[in-house]
Each structure stands twice: as structure tokens, then as C-alpha cells.
Amino acid sequence: MNSAKMSTMTSVDPEMRALLLGAIPALRAFAFSLTRDLDRSDDLVQETLVRAWTKADSFTPGTNLYAWLFTILRNLFYSEQRKRRREVEDADGVMAGRLTALPDQEARVELSAFQAALSTLPANQREALVLVGAQNFTYEEAAEICGVAVGTIKSRVSRARGRLIELLGMTGPDDIGSDGMTLAAMGHP
């Protein structure tokens, strides 16, 4: 490794390093919600951490680190999407094959149905719902991450929740499954 890279790596605050490492699970979940592919989501998280590590001096202490990281991740994802426009996704059916599995319990069936329904939502609605419902960002933080107005985020989350209720054939709160991901996305504690 050359001395310039080594200097950059050692100049980062150990506290920042710990914060970045602590954010990995949330980043992985958000990346997977965007890509729906474990390998791509891990690559996206890695690129996000590299970008954050090298640009740590541009982070303002005292502000929301997760919002900053999610913004980096989101921007990287959409940059990658623009580059991939001409590629054919899942030409050999590998992704579709991963979506089918024989469930071994009711909760797994419910989670599978929820994930399938979630994947049918438009990307902007799914993104807003994951940020607010699963990652516990406020509407304001989610709006900042997505670069849109707070009202737009509220609208996207509302439409996404309504569509999920419709897709899952739900009639009320008693129909909501017991797993945390479903409960959070549907707006219930």
C-alpha cells in the first residue's frame, strides 16, 4: 500500500471507524431492499463504507451519521442503476429461483408473502417504506436521504402501506403477521 493511502486510513478517528462498523447491519438491510440481491447489496455496502471512510472529513460531527451513510448508499445505487440500464436482469432465472423456497412454518410463509409483495412496489415507495418502517428513520430524515419533500415521503409510505394491505389481502391490524419486518412496514409497533 502506498504511503498516501496509508496516511488516509490512519487519519480517520477510531470513533468514526467504530460508528461505520456499527452501521453495517442497517446498511446491508437498506442495500438489500434496493437491490434484492445479496451479492450486489454487499458490494454496495462495501463501496458505501469505502466512500464514507475516504470522505470522513466531509461528515459534520453531531449530525445524523446514518442519514449521511444512507444518502451515500442511495446515490451509489442510483449511479449503478444508470450504468446498468442496458443490462438484462436475471436472464438465466437465477434470481427468480432464489425467491422460491418451501416454508417450514407459518411465520416463514407470512414473511415470504410479505417480501414478495414488497418487491412488487415501485422502487421509490419501497425505499420510503424501508427507511421509515424498517430502519426507523423519521419522515424528515427519510426525505433528506431521498432528496425529496417530507410530504412526498409521507405519500410514498402511505401508498406503499395501502398497496401491501391490498396485495396481502388484509382487512385490518389483526391480519398483520407477527414478524418484526411486517409489523414495522405496516406501521404497527
Protein backbone atom coordinates (compact mmCIF):
# COMPACT_ATOMS: atom_id res chain seq x y z
CA MET A 1 0.00 0.00 0.00
CA ASN A 2 1.40 3.41 -0.86
CA SER A 3 2.06 5.96 1.86
CA ALA A 4 -0.75 8.32 0.73
CA LYS A 5 -3.38 5.61 1.19
CA MET A 6 -1.88 4.53 4.50
CA SER A 7 -1.93 8.14 5.70
CA THR A 8 -5.61 8.48 4.80
CA MET A 9 -6.52 5.29 6.64
CA THR A 10 -4.67 6.15 9.82
CA SER A 11 -6.01 9.72 9.95
CA VAL A 12 -9.61 8.56 10.47
CA ASP A 13 -10.83 8.85 14.03
CA PRO A 14 -11.18 5.45 15.76
CA GLU A 15 -14.63 6.57 16.90
CA MET A 16 -15.64 7.10 13.25
CA ARG A 17 -14.32 3.63 12.42
CA ALA A 18 -16.45 2.11 15.17
CA LEU A 19 -19.52 4.06 14.04
CA LEU A 20 -19.05 2.91 10.44
CA LEU A 21 -18.69 -0.71 11.53
CA GLY A 22 -21.78 -0.40 13.70
CA ALA A 23 -23.82 0.86 10.76
CA ILE A 24 -23.14 -2.20 8.59
CA PRO A 25 -26.28 -4.19 9.53
CA ALA A 26 -28.61 -1.27 8.77
CA LEU A 27 -26.74 -0.50 5.54
CA ARG A 28 -26.97 -4.15 4.46
CA ALA A 29 -30.72 -4.20 5.08
CA PHE A 30 -31.27 -0.99 3.14
CA ALA A 31 -29.00 -2.10 0.30
CA PHE A 32 -30.83 -5.42 0.04
CA SER A 33 -34.18 -3.61 -0.07
CA LEU A 34 -32.89 -1.68 -3.07
CA THR A 35 -31.08 -4.45 -4.94
CA ARG A 36 -32.90 -7.60 -3.79
CA ASP A 37 -29.58 -9.40 -4.36
CA LEU A 38 -27.23 -10.33 -1.51
CA ASP A 39 -24.05 -10.09 -3.55
CA ARG A 40 -24.95 -6.73 -5.09
CA SER A 41 -26.11 -5.38 -1.73
CA ASP A 42 -22.85 -6.43 -0.04
CA ASP A 43 -20.87 -4.77 -2.84
CA LEU A 44 -22.97 -1.64 -2.44
CA VAL A 45 -22.37 -1.57 1.33
CA GLN A 46 -18.64 -2.06 0.81
CA GLU A 47 -18.50 0.79 -1.70
CA THR A 48 -20.52 2.97 0.68
CA LEU A 49 -18.10 2.29 3.53
CA VAL A 50 -15.09 2.97 1.31
CA ARG A 51 -16.64 6.24 0.16
CA ALA A 52 -17.53 7.23 3.75
CA TRP A 53 -14.08 6.25 5.00
CA THR A 54 -12.29 8.31 2.37
CA LYS A 55 -14.67 11.26 2.77
CA ALA A 56 -14.97 11.11 6.58
CA ASP A 57 -13.69 14.67 6.81
CA SER A 58 -16.81 15.86 4.96
CA PHE A 59 -19.11 14.43 7.67
CA THR A 60 -20.27 17.05 10.15
CA PRO A 61 -19.99 15.71 13.72
CA GLY A 62 -23.23 15.99 15.63
CA THR A 63 -25.38 15.33 12.56
CA ASN A 64 -27.07 12.04 11.70
CA LEU A 65 -24.35 9.62 10.56
CA TYR A 66 -26.90 7.05 9.40
CA ALA A 67 -28.65 9.58 7.20
CA TRP A 68 -25.27 10.54 5.70
CA LEU A 69 -24.38 6.88 5.06
CA PHE A 70 -27.81 6.05 3.64
CA THR A 71 -27.54 9.03 1.31
CA ILE A 72 -24.16 7.80 0.08
CA LEU A 73 -25.54 4.28 -0.39
CA ARG A 74 -28.64 5.52 -2.18
CA ASN A 75 -26.61 7.74 -4.52
CA LEU A 76 -24.25 4.86 -5.32
CA PHE A 77 -27.21 2.58 -6.01
CA TYR A 78 -28.82 5.00 -8.45
CA SER A 79 -25.48 5.68 -10.15
CA GLU A 80 -25.08 1.93 -10.59
CA GLN A 81 -28.64 1.67 -11.92
CA ARG A 82 -27.92 4.27 -14.56
CA LYS A 83 -24.87 2.28 -15.65
CA ARG A 84 -26.84 -0.98 -15.74
CA ARG A 85 -29.80 0.32 -17.80
CA ARG A 86 -28.78 -1.67 -20.83
CA GLU A 87 -28.16 -4.90 -18.95
CA VAL A 88 -30.77 -7.61 -18.84
CA GLU A 89 -31.50 -8.56 -15.26
CA ASP A 90 -31.96 -12.22 -14.34
CA ALA A 91 -31.66 -13.52 -17.89
CA ASP A 92 -30.94 -17.06 -16.65
CA GLY A 93 -33.63 -17.07 -13.94
CA VAL A 94 -31.23 -17.34 -11.00
CA MET A 95 -32.91 -14.51 -9.10
CA ALA A 96 -36.38 -15.94 -9.66
CA GLY A 97 -35.14 -19.31 -8.46
CA ARG A 98 -33.93 -17.77 -5.21
CA LEU A 99 -37.39 -16.40 -4.48
CA THR A 100 -38.95 -19.83 -4.18
CA ALA A 101 -38.43 -21.91 -1.08
CA LEU A 102 -40.53 -24.37 0.79
CA PRO A 103 -41.51 -22.74 4.08
CA ASP A 104 -41.30 -24.79 7.22
CA GLN A 105 -43.51 -22.69 9.47
CA GLU A 106 -46.33 -20.15 9.32
CA ALA A 107 -44.15 -17.13 10.12
CA ARG A 108 -41.85 -18.03 7.27
CA VAL A 109 -44.82 -18.26 4.90
CA GLU A 110 -46.03 -14.84 6.06
CA LEU A 111 -42.57 -13.31 5.70
CA SER A 112 -42.20 -14.80 2.24
CA ALA A 113 -45.57 -13.40 1.17
CA PHE A 114 -44.65 -10.02 2.62
CA GLN A 115 -41.27 -9.96 0.86
CA ALA A 116 -42.89 -10.92 -2.44
CA ALA A 117 -45.48 -8.16 -2.04
CA LEU A 118 -42.80 -5.66 -1.01
CA SER A 119 -40.77 -6.48 -4.11
CA THR A 120 -43.71 -5.55 -6.35
CA LEU A 121 -43.87 -1.99 -5.03
CA PRO A 122 -42.34 0.77 -7.15
CA ALA A 123 -38.74 1.41 -6.08
CA ASN A 124 -39.46 4.86 -4.64
CA GLN A 125 -42.31 3.54 -2.47
CA ARG A 126 -40.30 0.52 -1.32
CA GLU A 127 -37.36 2.75 -0.47
CA ALA A 128 -39.51 5.16 1.55
CA LEU A 129 -41.26 2.32 3.38
CA VAL A 130 -37.99 0.60 4.29
CA LEU A 131 -36.43 3.82 5.55
CA VAL A 132 -39.43 4.78 7.70
CA GLY A 133 -40.87 1.38 8.59
CA ALA A 134 -37.87 -0.92 8.88
CA GLN A 135 -34.96 1.43 9.54
CA ASN A 136 -36.92 3.75 11.88
CA PHE A 137 -35.89 6.98 10.18
CA THR A 138 -38.25 9.88 10.73
CA TYR A 139 -40.13 11.19 7.72
CA GLU A 140 -37.82 14.21 7.77
CA GLU A 141 -34.66 12.05 7.77
CA ALA A 142 -36.02 9.83 5.02
CA ALA A 143 -36.88 12.90 2.95
CA GLU A 144 -33.34 14.19 3.39
CA ILE A 145 -31.85 10.83 2.37
CA CYS A 146 -34.06 10.63 -0.72
CA GLY A 147 -33.71 14.31 -1.59
CA VAL A 148 -37.47 14.93 -1.67
CA ALA A 149 -40.04 16.85 0.38
CA VAL A 150 -41.37 15.38 3.64
CA GLY A 151 -44.87 15.27 2.16
CA THR A 152 -43.57 13.18 -0.73
CA ILE A 153 -42.12 10.62 1.69
CA LYS A 154 -45.37 10.52 3.68
CA SER A 155 -47.32 9.99 0.48
CA ARG A 156 -44.99 7.23 -0.73
CA VAL A 157 -45.14 5.42 2.61
CA SER A 158 -48.94 5.71 2.72
CA ARG A 159 -49.33 4.40 -0.84
CA ALA A 160 -46.85 1.59 -0.14
CA ARG A 161 -48.66 0.53 3.04
CA GLY A 162 -52.02 0.66 1.28
CA ARG A 163 -50.74 -1.42 -1.62
CA LEU A 164 -49.20 -4.00 0.74
CA ILE A 165 -52.51 -4.32 2.61
CA GLU A 166 -54.23 -4.87 -0.73
CA LEU A 167 -51.65 -7.34 -2.05
CA LEU A 168 -51.65 -9.35 1.16
CA GLY A 169 -55.45 -9.43 1.35
CA MET A 170 -55.55 -7.77 4.74
CA THR A 171 -58.59 -6.12 6.23
CA GLY A 172 -57.22 -4.71 9.49
CA PRO A 173 -54.46 -4.78 12.12
CA ASP A 174 -55.43 -8.28 13.27
CA ASP A 175 -54.34 -9.62 9.88
CA ILE A 176 -50.76 -8.40 10.30
CA GLY A 177 -48.19 -11.13 10.83
CA SER A 178 -46.14 -11.38 13.96
CA ASP A 179 -42.68 -10.86 12.42
CA GLY A 180 -40.99 -7.53 13.09
CA MET A 181 -40.36 -6.65 9.44
CA THR A 182 -44.05 -6.91 8.54
CA LEU A 183 -45.19 -5.05 11.65
CA ALA A 184 -42.75 -2.19 11.10
CA ALA A 185 -43.54 -1.81 7.42
CA MET A 186 -47.26 -1.76 8.08
CA GLY A 187 -46.81 0.95 10.70
CA HIS A 188 -47.55 -1.07 13.82
CA PRO A 189 -45.31 -1.48 16.89
